[in-house]
C-alpha cells in the first residue's frame, strides 16, 4: 500500500535518530494486524448497537460495514485519487463520511 509505505518512511526517519530497527519491526507487525483490529471494532460496535435503545439501531447495524469502508478508503479510493487527482465524487465523499462516523 502506498499509504503504508508513506507512514513507514515517516516513522523510520523519525525513529532513526533515537531508536532501533526493532521498533520499526514492531510497528510493521502492528500495522499488518490492522484488518483484524477493524473487524474487532466492527463487532464491538454492532454489539453496542444491539444493547442500545436507539429506534433505528437495526438500520445502523445493517449499514455497519466498517471493514468494507476501511478497505475502500485505504485501497480503492487511494488508487482513484492518484489516477484523477484534485477531486473526489459525492459518492466517494459519502463513503468517507460513513467510515468516519462508524469509527
PDB file of N, CA and C in Angstrom:
ATOM      1  N   UNK A   1       0.837  -1.184   0.000  1.00  0.00           N
ATOM      2  CA  UNK A   1       0.000   0.000   0.000  1.00  0.00           C
ATOM      3  C   UNK A   1       0.885   1.252   0.000  1.00  0.00           C
ATOM      4  N   UNK A   2       0.605   2.174  -0.893  1.00  0.00           N
ATOM      5  CA  UNK A   2       1.396   3.411  -0.905  1.00  0.00           C
ATOM      6  C   UNK A   2       1.295   4.182   0.403  1.00  0.00           C
ATOM      7  N   UNK A   3       0.120   4.187   1.013  1.00  0.00           N
ATOM      8  CA  UNK A   3      -0.058   4.903   2.270  1.00  0.00           C
ATOM      9  C   UNK A   3       0.775   4.255   3.382  1.00  0.00           C
ATOM     10  N   UNK A   4       0.800   2.940   3.397  1.00  0.00           N
ATOM     11  CA  UNK A   4       1.601   2.233   4.395  1.00  0.00           C
ATOM     12  C   UNK A   4       3.082   2.546   4.205  1.00  0.00           C
ATOM     13  N   UNK A   5       3.520   2.567   2.956  1.00  0.00           N
ATOM     14  CA  UNK A   5       4.917   2.905   2.668  1.00  0.00           C
ATOM     15  C   UNK A   5       5.231   4.315   3.142  1.00  0.00           C
ATOM     16  N   UNK A   6       4.322   5.234   2.894  1.00  0.00           N
ATOM     17  CA  UNK A   6       4.495   6.624   3.313  1.00  0.00           C
ATOM     18  C   UNK A   6       4.693   6.720   4.828  1.00  0.00           C
ATOM     19  N   UNK A   7       3.775   6.080   5.578  1.00  0.00           N
ATOM     20  CA  UNK A   7       3.878   6.117   7.035  1.00  0.00           C
ATOM     21  C   UNK A   7       5.132   5.398   7.529  1.00  0.00           C
ATOM     22  N   UNK A   8       5.492   4.310   6.870  1.00  0.00           N
ATOM     23  CA  UNK A   8       6.699   3.591   7.252  1.00  0.00           C
ATOM     24  C   UNK A   8       7.923   4.477   7.095  1.00  0.00           C
ATOM     25  N   UNK A   9       7.994   5.209   5.988  1.00  0.00           N
ATOM     26  CA  UNK A   9       9.137   6.097   5.759  1.00  0.00           C
ATOM     27  C   UNK A   9       9.182   7.227   6.780  1.00  0.00           C
ATOM     28  N   UNK A  10       8.037   7.802   7.087  1.00  0.00           N
ATOM     29  CA  UNK A  10       7.996   8.884   8.073  1.00  0.00           C
ATOM     30  C   UNK A  10       8.477   8.378   9.432  1.00  0.00           C
ATOM     31  N   UNK A  11       7.921   7.274   9.853  1.00  0.00           N
ATOM     32  CA  UNK A  11       8.276   6.736  11.163  1.00  0.00           C
ATOM     33  C   UNK A  11       9.737   6.309  11.188  1.00  0.00           C
ATOM     34  N   UNK A  12      10.185   5.700  10.118  1.00  0.00           N
ATOM     35  CA  UNK A  12      11.586   5.271  10.065  1.00  0.00           C
ATOM     36  C   UNK A  12      12.518   6.471  10.195  1.00  0.00           C
ATOM     37  N   UNK A  13      12.212   7.554   9.497  1.00  0.00           N
ATOM     38  CA  UNK A  13      13.047   8.749   9.579  1.00  0.00           C
ATOM     39  C   UNK A  13      13.030   9.352  10.982  1.00  0.00           C
ATOM     40  N   UNK A  14      11.865   9.393  11.607  1.00  0.00           N
ATOM     41  CA  UNK A  14      11.759   9.978  12.954  1.00  0.00           C
ATOM     42  C   UNK A  14      12.444   9.134  14.011  1.00  0.00           C
ATOM     43  N   UNK A  15      12.394   7.824  13.824  1.00  0.00           N
ATOM     44  CA  UNK A  15      12.945   6.930  14.831  1.00  0.00           C
ATOM     45  C   UNK A  15      14.437   6.669  14.636  1.00  0.00           C
ATOM     46  N   UNK A  16      14.944   6.965  13.473  1.00  0.00           N
ATOM     47  CA  UNK A  16      16.347   6.643  13.170  1.00  0.00           C
ATOM     48  C   UNK A  16      17.309   7.278  14.164  1.00  0.00           C
ATOM     49  N   UNK A  17      17.022   8.458  14.608  1.00  0.00           N
ATOM     50  CA  UNK A  17      17.937   9.170  15.496  1.00  0.00           C
ATOM     51  C   UNK A  17      17.978   8.587  16.905  1.00  0.00           C
ATOM     52  N   UNK A  18      16.877   8.006  17.359  1.00  0.00           N
ATOM     53  CA  UNK A  18      16.846   7.595  18.759  1.00  0.00           C
ATOM     54  C   UNK A  18      16.166   6.246  19.009  1.00  0.00           C
ATOM     55  N   UNK A  19      16.209   5.357  18.016  1.00  0.00           N
ATOM     56  CA  UNK A  19      15.553   4.077  18.212  1.00  0.00           C
ATOM     57  C   UNK A  19      16.232   2.999  17.382  1.00  0.00           C
ATOM     58  N   UNK A  20      15.853   1.772  17.634  1.00  0.00           N
ATOM     59  CA  UNK A  20      16.432   0.648  16.905  1.00  0.00           C
ATOM     60  C   UNK A  20      15.482   0.160  15.827  1.00  0.00           C
ATOM     61  N   UNK A  21      15.974  -0.757  15.012  1.00  0.00           N
ATOM     62  CA  UNK A  21      15.136  -1.344  13.967  1.00  0.00           C
ATOM     63  C   UNK A  21      14.016  -2.186  14.558  1.00  0.00           C
ATOM     64  N   UNK A  22      14.177  -2.627  15.804  1.00  0.00           N
ATOM     65  CA  UNK A  22      13.133  -3.423  16.452  1.00  0.00           C
ATOM     66  C   UNK A  22      11.828  -2.643  16.568  1.00  0.00           C
ATOM     67  N   UNK A  23      11.929  -1.354  16.834  1.00  0.00           N
ATOM     68  CA  UNK A  23      10.730  -0.530  16.962  1.00  0.00           C
ATOM     69  C   UNK A  23       9.980  -0.472  15.639  1.00  0.00           C
ATOM     70  N   UNK A  24      10.705  -0.305  14.557  1.00  0.00           N
ATOM     71  CA  UNK A  24      10.074  -0.267  13.233  1.00  0.00           C
ATOM     72  C   UNK A  24       9.451  -1.617  12.901  1.00  0.00           C
ATOM     73  N   UNK A  25      10.131  -2.694  13.254  1.00  0.00           N
ATOM     74  CA  UNK A  25       9.576  -4.029  13.013  1.00  0.00           C
ATOM     75  C   UNK A  25       8.301  -4.236  13.825  1.00  0.00           C
ATOM     76  N   UNK A  26       8.299  -3.770  15.073  1.00  0.00           N
ATOM     77  CA  UNK A  26       7.093  -3.885  15.904  1.00  0.00           C
ATOM     78  C   UNK A  26       5.940  -3.095  15.305  1.00  0.00           C
ATOM     79  N   UNK A  27       6.244  -1.889  14.829  1.00  0.00           N
ATOM     80  CA  UNK A  27       5.208  -1.069  14.209  1.00  0.00           C
ATOM     81  C   UNK A  27       4.669  -1.760  12.957  1.00  0.00           C
ATOM     82  N   UNK A  28       5.551  -2.327  12.158  1.00  0.00           N
ATOM     83  CA  UNK A  28       5.136  -3.023  10.936  1.00  0.00           C
ATOM     84  C   UNK A  28       4.230  -4.203  11.261  1.00  0.00           C
ATOM     85  N   UNK A  29       4.568  -4.954  12.309  1.00  0.00           N
ATOM     86  CA  UNK A  29       3.727  -6.083  12.725  1.00  0.00           C
ATOM     87  C   UNK A  29       2.338  -5.595  13.122  1.00  0.00           C
ATOM     88  N   UNK A  30       2.296  -4.518  13.895  1.00  0.00           N
ATOM     89  CA  UNK A  30       1.007  -3.976  14.323  1.00  0.00           C
ATOM     90  C   UNK A  30       0.197  -3.472  13.132  1.00  0.00           C
ATOM     91  N   UNK A  31       0.867  -2.829  12.188  1.00  0.00           N
ATOM     92  CA  UNK A  31       0.154  -2.316  11.011  1.00  0.00           C
ATOM     93  C   UNK A  31      -0.441  -3.456  10.195  1.00  0.00           C
ATOM     94  N   UNK A  32       0.251  -4.576  10.135  1.00  0.00           N
ATOM     95  CA  UNK A  32      -0.261  -5.730   9.388  1.00  0.00           C
ATOM     96  C   UNK A  32      -1.493  -6.330  10.068  1.00  0.00           C
ATOM     97  N   UNK A  33      -1.669  -6.073  11.351  1.00  0.00           N
ATOM     98  CA  UNK A  33      -2.834  -6.568  12.078  1.00  0.00           C
ATOM     99  C   UNK A  33      -4.014  -5.600  12.014  1.00  0.00           C
ATOM    100  N   UNK A  34      -3.881  -4.547  11.236  1.00  0.00           N
ATOM    101  CA  UNK A  34      -4.899  -3.509  11.120  1.00  0.00           C
ATOM    102  C   UNK A  34      -6.269  -4.087  10.747  1.00  0.00           C
ATOM    103  N   UNK A  35      -6.299  -4.985   9.770  1.00  0.00           N
ATOM    104  CA  UNK A  35      -7.570  -5.555   9.335  1.00  0.00           C
ATOM    105  C   UNK A  35      -8.280  -6.283  10.469  1.00  0.00           C
ATOM    106  N   UNK A  36      -7.521  -7.022  11.264  1.00  0.00           N
ATOM    107  CA  UNK A  36      -8.110  -7.732  12.400  1.00  0.00           C
ATOM    108  C   UNK A  36      -8.679  -6.749  13.420  1.00  0.00           C
ATOM    109  N   UNK A  37      -7.960  -5.666  13.645  1.00  0.00           N
ATOM    110  CA  UNK A  37      -8.432  -4.642  14.593  1.00  0.00           C
ATOM    111  C   UNK A  37      -9.727  -3.999  14.105  1.00  0.00           C
ATOM    112  N   UNK A  38      -9.799  -3.720  12.816  1.00  0.00           N
ATOM    113  CA  UNK A  38     -11.009  -3.117  12.251  1.00  0.00           C
ATOM    114  C   UNK A  38     -12.184  -4.077  12.386  1.00  0.00           C
ATOM    115  N   UNK A  39     -11.951  -5.367  12.138  1.00  0.00           N
ATOM    116  CA  UNK A  39     -13.021  -6.364  12.287  1.00  0.00           C
ATOM    117  C   UNK A  39     -13.523  -6.419  13.726  1.00  0.00           C
ATOM    118  N   UNK A  40     -12.573  -6.409  14.678  1.00  0.00           N
ATOM    119  CA  UNK A  40     -12.972  -6.425  16.100  1.00  0.00           C
ATOM    120  C   UNK A  40     -13.758  -5.177  16.465  1.00  0.00           C
ATOM    121  N   UNK A  41     -13.326  -4.041  15.925  1.00  0.00           N
ATOM    122  CA  UNK A  41     -14.018  -2.784  16.210  1.00  0.00           C
ATOM    123  C   UNK A  41     -15.445  -2.826  15.668  1.00  0.00           C
ATOM    124  N   UNK A  42     -15.622  -3.396  14.474  1.00  0.00           N
ATOM    125  CA  UNK A  42     -16.955  -3.520  13.893  1.00  0.00           C
ATOM    126  C   UNK A  42     -17.831  -4.426  14.742  1.00  0.00           C
ATOM    127  N   UNK A  43     -17.298  -5.539  15.194  1.00  0.00           N
ATOM    128  CA  UNK A  43     -18.062  -6.473  16.030  1.00  0.00           C
ATOM    129  C   UNK A  43     -18.483  -5.801  17.335  1.00  0.00           C
ATOM    130  N   UNK A  44     -17.571  -5.065  17.970  1.00  0.00           N
ATOM    131  CA  UNK A  44     -17.897  -4.357  19.207  1.00  0.00           C
ATOM    132  C   UNK A  44     -18.962  -3.291  18.980  1.00  0.00           C
ATOM    133  N   UNK A  45     -18.860  -2.587  17.857  1.00  0.00           N
ATOM    134  CA  UNK A  45     -19.846  -1.546  17.558  1.00  0.00           C
ATOM    135  C   UNK A  45     -21.230  -2.158  17.356  1.00  0.00           C
ATOM    136  N   UNK A  46     -21.294  -3.290  16.675  1.00  0.00           N
ATOM    137  CA  UNK A  46     -22.586  -3.952  16.455  1.00  0.00           C
ATOM    138  C   UNK A  46     -23.157  -4.449  17.781  1.00  0.00           C
ATOM    139  N   UNK A  47     -22.309  -5.026  18.633  1.00  0.00           N
ATOM    140  CA  UNK A  47     -22.772  -5.472  19.952  1.00  0.00           C
ATOM    141  C   UNK A  47     -23.307  -4.304  20.769  1.00  0.00           C
ATOM    142  N   UNK A  48     -22.621  -3.185  20.701  1.00  0.00           N
ATOM    143  CA  UNK A  48     -23.058  -1.997  21.427  1.00  0.00           C
ATOM    144  C   UNK A  48     -24.394  -1.488  20.889  1.00  0.00           C
ATOM    145  N   UNK A  49     -24.549  -1.508  19.578  1.00  0.00           N
ATOM    146  CA  UNK A  49     -25.818  -1.069  18.985  1.00  0.00           C
ATOM    147  C   UNK A  49     -26.965  -1.985  19.392  1.00  0.00           C
ATOM    148  N   UNK A  50     -26.708  -3.276  19.458  1.00  0.00           N
ATOM    149  CA  UNK A  50     -27.760  -4.227  19.846  1.00  0.00           C
ATOM    150  C   UNK A  50     -28.269  -3.941  21.260  1.00  0.00           C
ATOM    151  N   UNK A  51     -27.391  -3.485  22.127  1.00  0.00           N
ATOM    152  CA  UNK A  51     -27.768  -3.187  23.509  1.00  0.00           C
ATOM    153  C   UNK A  51     -28.382  -1.795  23.673  1.00  0.00           C
ATOM    154  N   UNK A  52     -28.228  -0.960  22.675  1.00  0.00           N
ATOM    155  CA  UNK A  52     -28.698   0.421  22.799  1.00  0.00           C
ATOM    156  C   UNK A  52     -30.217   0.506  22.690  1.00  0.00           C
ATOM    157  N   UNK A  53     -30.729   1.676  23.013  1.00  0.00           N
ATOM    158  CA  UNK A  53     -32.174   1.921  22.956  1.00  0.00           C
ATOM    159  C   UNK A  53     -32.559   2.779  21.758  1.00  0.00           C
ATOM    160  N   UNK A  54     -31.645   2.898  20.798  1.00  0.00           N
ATOM    161  CA  UNK A  54     -31.919   3.717  19.617  1.00  0.00           C
ATOM    162  C   UNK A  54     -33.036   3.104  18.794  1.00  0.00           C
ATOM    163  N   UNK A  55     -33.880   3.955  18.266  1.00  0.00           N
ATOM    164  CA  UNK A  55     -35.002   3.483  17.459  1.00  0.00           C
ATOM    165  C   UNK A  55     -34.543   2.893  16.126  1.00  0.00           C
ATOM    166  N   UNK A  56     -33.465   3.445  15.569  1.00  0.00           N
ATOM    167  CA  UNK A  56     -33.006   2.993  14.251  1.00  0.00           C
ATOM    168  C   UNK A  56     -31.803   2.051  14.346  1.00  0.00           C
ATOM    169  N   UNK A  57     -31.673   1.327  15.464  1.00  0.00           N
ATOM    170  CA  UNK A  57     -30.486   0.513  15.666  1.00  0.00           C
ATOM    171  C   UNK A  57     -30.368  -0.614  14.639  1.00  0.00           C
ATOM    172  N   UNK A  58     -31.485  -1.194  14.204  1.00  0.00           N
ATOM    173  CA  UNK A  58     -31.421  -2.265  13.204  1.00  0.00           C
ATOM    174  C   UNK A  58     -30.880  -1.725  11.878  1.00  0.00           C
ATOM    175  N   UNK A  59     -31.310  -0.551  11.502  1.00  0.00           N
ATOM    176  CA  UNK A  59     -30.813   0.092  10.283  1.00  0.00           C
ATOM    177  C   UNK A  59     -29.310   0.379  10.398  1.00  0.00           C
ATOM    178  N   UNK A  60     -28.882   0.854  11.551  1.00  0.00           N
ATOM    179  CA  UNK A  60     -27.459   1.127  11.771  1.00  0.00           C
ATOM    180  C   UNK A  60     -26.626  -0.150  11.730  1.00  0.00           C
ATOM    181  N   UNK A  61     -27.162  -1.217  12.305  1.00  0.00           N
ATOM    182  CA  UNK A  61     -26.448  -2.496  12.297  1.00  0.00           C
ATOM    183  C   UNK A  61     -26.288  -2.997  10.865  1.00  0.00           C
ATOM    184  N   UNK A  62     -27.346  -2.887  10.086  1.00  0.00           N
ATOM    185  CA  UNK A  62     -27.283  -3.350   8.692  1.00  0.00           C
ATOM    186  C   UNK A  62     -26.312  -2.535   7.847  1.00  0.00           C
ATOM    187  N   UNK A  63     -26.176  -1.261   8.169  1.00  0.00           N
ATOM    188  CA  UNK A  63     -25.276  -0.417   7.390  1.00  0.00           C
ATOM    189  C   UNK A  63     -23.855  -0.374   7.962  1.00  0.00           C
ATOM    190  N   UNK A  64     -23.614  -1.117   9.040  1.00  0.00           N
ATOM    191  CA  UNK A  64     -22.295  -1.154   9.671  1.00  0.00           C
ATOM    192  C   UNK A  64     -21.358  -2.009   8.815  1.00  0.00           C
ATOM    193  N   UNK A  65     -20.662  -1.356   7.923  1.00  0.00           N
ATOM    194  CA  UNK A  65     -19.736  -2.046   7.030  1.00  0.00           C
ATOM    195  C   UNK A  65     -18.347  -1.415   7.175  1.00  0.00           C
ATOM    196  N   UNK A  66     -17.884  -1.329   8.403  1.00  0.00           N
ATOM    197  CA  UNK A  66     -16.623  -0.662   8.690  1.00  0.00           C
ATOM    198  C   UNK A  66     -15.448  -1.312   7.958  1.00  0.00           C
ATOM    199  N   UNK A  67     -15.410  -2.642   7.914  1.00  0.00           N
ATOM    200  CA  UNK A  67     -14.322  -3.345   7.222  1.00  0.00           C
ATOM    201  C   UNK A  67     -14.319  -2.968   5.746  1.00  0.00           C
ATOM    202  N   UNK A  68     -15.494  -2.966   5.155  1.00  0.00           N
ATOM    203  CA  UNK A  68     -15.620  -2.615   3.737  1.00  0.00           C
ATOM    204  C   UNK A  68     -15.224  -1.155   3.493  1.00  0.00           C
ATOM    205  N   UNK A  69     -15.713  -0.253   4.340  1.00  0.00           N
ATOM    206  CA  UNK A  69     -15.384   1.171   4.185  1.00  0.00           C
ATOM    207  C   UNK A  69     -13.885   1.419   4.360  1.00  0.00           C
ATOM    208  N   UNK A  70     -13.286   0.724   5.328  1.00  0.00           N
ATOM    209  CA  UNK A  70     -11.860   0.897   5.592  1.00  0.00           C
ATOM    210  C   UNK A  70     -11.028   0.426   4.396  1.00  0.00           C
ATOM    211  N   UNK A  71     -11.374  -0.722   3.854  1.00  0.00           N
ATOM    212  CA  UNK A  71     -10.659  -1.234   2.674  1.00  0.00           C
ATOM    213  C   UNK A  71     -10.819  -0.273   1.497  1.00  0.00           C
ATOM    214  N   UNK A  72     -12.024   0.233   1.322  1.00  0.00           N
ATOM    215  CA  UNK A  72     -12.265   1.190   0.237  1.00  0.00           C
ATOM    216  C   UNK A  72     -11.404   2.442   0.416  1.00  0.00           C
ATOM    217  N   UNK A  73     -11.399   2.966   1.613  1.00  0.00           N
ATOM    218  CA  UNK A  73     -10.682   4.209   1.868  1.00  0.00           C
ATOM    219  C   UNK A  73      -9.179   4.055   1.683  1.00  0.00           C
ATOM    220  N   UNK A  74      -8.615   2.992   2.213  1.00  0.00           N
ATOM    221  CA  UNK A  74      -7.167   2.846   2.196  1.00  0.00           C
ATOM    222  C   UNK A  74      -6.622   2.090   0.997  1.00  0.00           C
ATOM    223  N   UNK A  75      -7.500   1.564   0.138  1.00  0.00           N
ATOM    224  CA  UNK A  75      -7.014   0.862  -1.048  1.00  0.00           C
ATOM    225  C   UNK A  75      -7.599   1.463  -2.321  1.00  0.00           C
ATOM    226  N   UNK A  76      -8.895   1.287  -2.512  1.00  0.00           N
ATOM    227  CA  UNK A  76      -9.532   1.705  -3.765  1.00  0.00           C
ATOM    228  C   UNK A  76      -9.500   3.214  -3.966  1.00  0.00           C
ATOM    229  N   UNK A  77      -9.931   3.953  -2.967  1.00  0.00           N
ATOM    230  CA  UNK A  77     -10.002   5.406  -3.107  1.00  0.00           C
ATOM    231  C   UNK A  77      -8.613   6.006  -3.332  1.00  0.00           C
ATOM    232  N   UNK A  78      -7.633   5.456  -2.656  1.00  0.00           N
ATOM    233  CA  UNK A  78      -6.260   5.951  -2.820  1.00  0.00           C
ATOM    234  C   UNK A  78      -5.819   5.826  -4.284  1.00  0.00           C
ATOM    235  N   UNK A  79      -6.114   4.682  -4.899  1.00  0.00           N
ATOM    236  CA  UNK A  79      -5.770   4.480  -6.322  1.00  0.00           C
ATOM    237  C   UNK A  79      -6.549   5.426  -7.223  1.00  0.00           C
ATOM    238  N   UNK A  80      -7.826   5.620  -6.924  1.00  0.00           N
ATOM    239  CA  UNK A  80      -8.646   6.514  -7.744  1.00  0.00           C
ATOM    240  C   UNK A  80      -8.144   7.945  -7.685  1.00  0.00           C
ATOM    241  N   UNK A  81      -7.784   8.392  -6.503  1.00  0.00           N
ATOM    242  CA  UNK A  81      -7.298   9.768  -6.355  1.00  0.00           C
ATOM    243  C   UNK A  81      -5.968   9.948  -7.073  1.00  0.00           C
ATOM    244  N   UNK A  82      -5.120   8.936  -7.032  1.00  0.00           N
ATOM    245  CA  UNK A  82      -3.859   9.030  -7.775  1.00  0.00           C
ATOM    246  C   UNK A  82      -4.098   9.060  -9.275  1.00  0.00           C
ATOM    247  N   UNK A  83      -5.149   8.390  -9.748  1.00  0.00           N
ATOM    248  CA  UNK A  83      -5.467   8.365 -11.175  1.00  0.00           C
ATOM    249  C   UNK A  83      -6.089   9.678 -11.647  1.00  0.00           C
ATOM    250  N   UNK A  84      -6.905  10.295 -10.815  1.00  0.00           N
ATOM    251  CA  UNK A  84      -7.553  11.559 -11.172  1.00  0.00           C
ATOM    252  C   UNK A  84      -7.455  12.510  -9.987  1.00  0.00           C
ATOM    253  N   UNK A  85      -6.303  13.115  -9.806  1.00  0.00           N
ATOM    254  CA  UNK A  85      -6.087  13.940  -8.610  1.00  0.00           C
ATOM    255  C   UNK A  85      -6.953  15.197  -8.557  1.00  0.00           C
ATOM    256  N   UNK A  86      -7.021  15.765  -7.368  1.00  0.00           N
ATOM    257  CA  UNK A  86      -7.606  17.079  -7.100  1.00  0.00           C
ATOM    258  C   UNK A  86      -9.115  17.096  -6.898  1.00  0.00           C
ATOM    259  N   UNK A  87      -9.782  15.955  -6.964  1.00  0.00           N
ATOM    260  CA  UNK A  87     -11.203  15.969  -6.622  1.00  0.00           C
ATOM    261  C   UNK A  87     -11.696  14.554  -6.329  1.00  0.00           C
ATOM    262  N   UNK A  88     -12.795  14.482  -5.580  1.00  0.00           N
ATOM    263  CA  UNK A  88     -13.476  13.224  -5.338  1.00  0.00           C
ATOM    264  C   UNK A  88     -14.953  13.442  -5.642  1.00  0.00           C
ATOM    265  N   UNK A  89     -15.648  12.348  -5.911  1.00  0.00           N
ATOM    266  CA  UNK A  89     -17.068  12.447  -6.235  1.00  0.00           C
ATOM    267  C   UNK A  89     -17.892  12.497  -4.947  1.00  0.00           C
ATOM    268  N   UNK A  90     -19.151  12.806  -5.087  1.00  0.00           N
ATOM    269  CA  UNK A  90     -20.055  12.850  -3.939  1.00  0.00           C
ATOM    270  C   UNK A  90     -20.186  11.467  -3.306  1.00  0.00           C
ATOM    271  N   UNK A  91     -20.253  10.408  -4.116  1.00  0.00           N
ATOM    272  CA  UNK A  91     -20.323   9.043  -3.578  1.00  0.00           C
ATOM    273  C   UNK A  91     -19.075   8.692  -2.772  1.00  0.00           C
ATOM    274  N   UNK A  92     -17.911   9.107  -3.271  1.00  0.00           N
ATOM    275  CA  UNK A  92     -16.667   8.848  -2.554  1.00  0.00           C
ATOM    276  C   UNK A  92     -16.647   9.598  -1.221  1.00  0.00           C
ATOM    277  N   UNK A  93     -17.084  10.838  -1.238  1.00  0.00           N
ATOM    278  CA  UNK A  93     -17.156  11.622  -0.012  1.00  0.00           C
ATOM    279  C   UNK A  93     -18.144  10.994   0.973  1.00  0.00           C
ATOM    280  N   UNK A  94     -19.250  10.508   0.464  1.00  0.00           N
ATOM    281  CA  UNK A  94     -20.248   9.855   1.309  1.00  0.00           C
ATOM    282  C   UNK A  94     -19.654   8.618   1.995  1.00  0.00           C
ATOM    283  N   UNK A  95     -18.900   7.829   1.261  1.00  0.00           N
ATOM    284  CA  UNK A  95     -18.271   6.637   1.834  1.00  0.00           C
ATOM    285  C   UNK A  95     -17.252   7.022   2.892  1.00  0.00           C
ATOM    286  N   UNK A  96     -16.496   8.072   2.636  1.00  0.00           N
ATOM    287  CA  UNK A  96     -15.510   8.550   3.614  1.00  0.00           C
ATOM    288  C   UNK A  96     -16.220   8.976   4.898  1.00  0.00           C
ATOM    289  N   UNK A  97     -17.329   9.675   4.777  1.00  0.00           N
ATOM    290  CA  UNK A  97     -18.063  10.138   5.957  1.00  0.00           C
ATOM    291  C   UNK A  97     -18.663   8.977   6.736  1.00  0.00           C
ATOM    292  N   UNK A  98     -19.174   7.972   6.027  1.00  0.00           N
ATOM    293  CA  UNK A  98     -19.711   6.782   6.711  1.00  0.00           C
ATOM    294  C   UNK A  98     -18.597   6.099   7.500  1.00  0.00           C
ATOM    295  N   UNK A  99     -17.429   5.958   6.863  1.00  0.00           N
ATOM    296  CA  UNK A  99     -16.292   5.349   7.554  1.00  0.00           C
ATOM    297  C   UNK A  99     -15.954   6.129   8.817  1.00  0.00           C
ATOM    298  N   UNK A 100     -15.896   7.437   8.689  1.00  0.00           N
ATOM    299  CA  UNK A 100     -15.539   8.295   9.828  1.00  0.00           C
ATOM    300  C   UNK A 100     -16.580   8.185  10.949  1.00  0.00           C
ATOM    301  N   UNK A 101     -17.837   8.187  10.581  1.00  0.00           N
ATOM    302  CA  UNK A 101     -18.900   8.112  11.598  1.00  0.00           C
ATOM    303  C   UNK A 101     -18.917   6.774  12.314  1.00  0.00           C
ATOM    304  N   UNK A 102     -18.646   5.694  11.590  1.00  0.00           N
ATOM    305  CA  UNK A 102     -18.683   4.370  12.209  1.00  0.00           C
ATOM    306  C   UNK A 102     -17.436   4.098  13.040  1.00  0.00           C
ATOM    307  N   UNK A 103     -16.376   4.839  12.829  1.00  0.00           N
ATOM    308  CA  UNK A 103     -15.162   4.642  13.627  1.00  0.00           C
ATOM    309  C   UNK A 103     -15.407   5.237  14.980  1.00  0.00           C
TER     310      UNK A 103
END
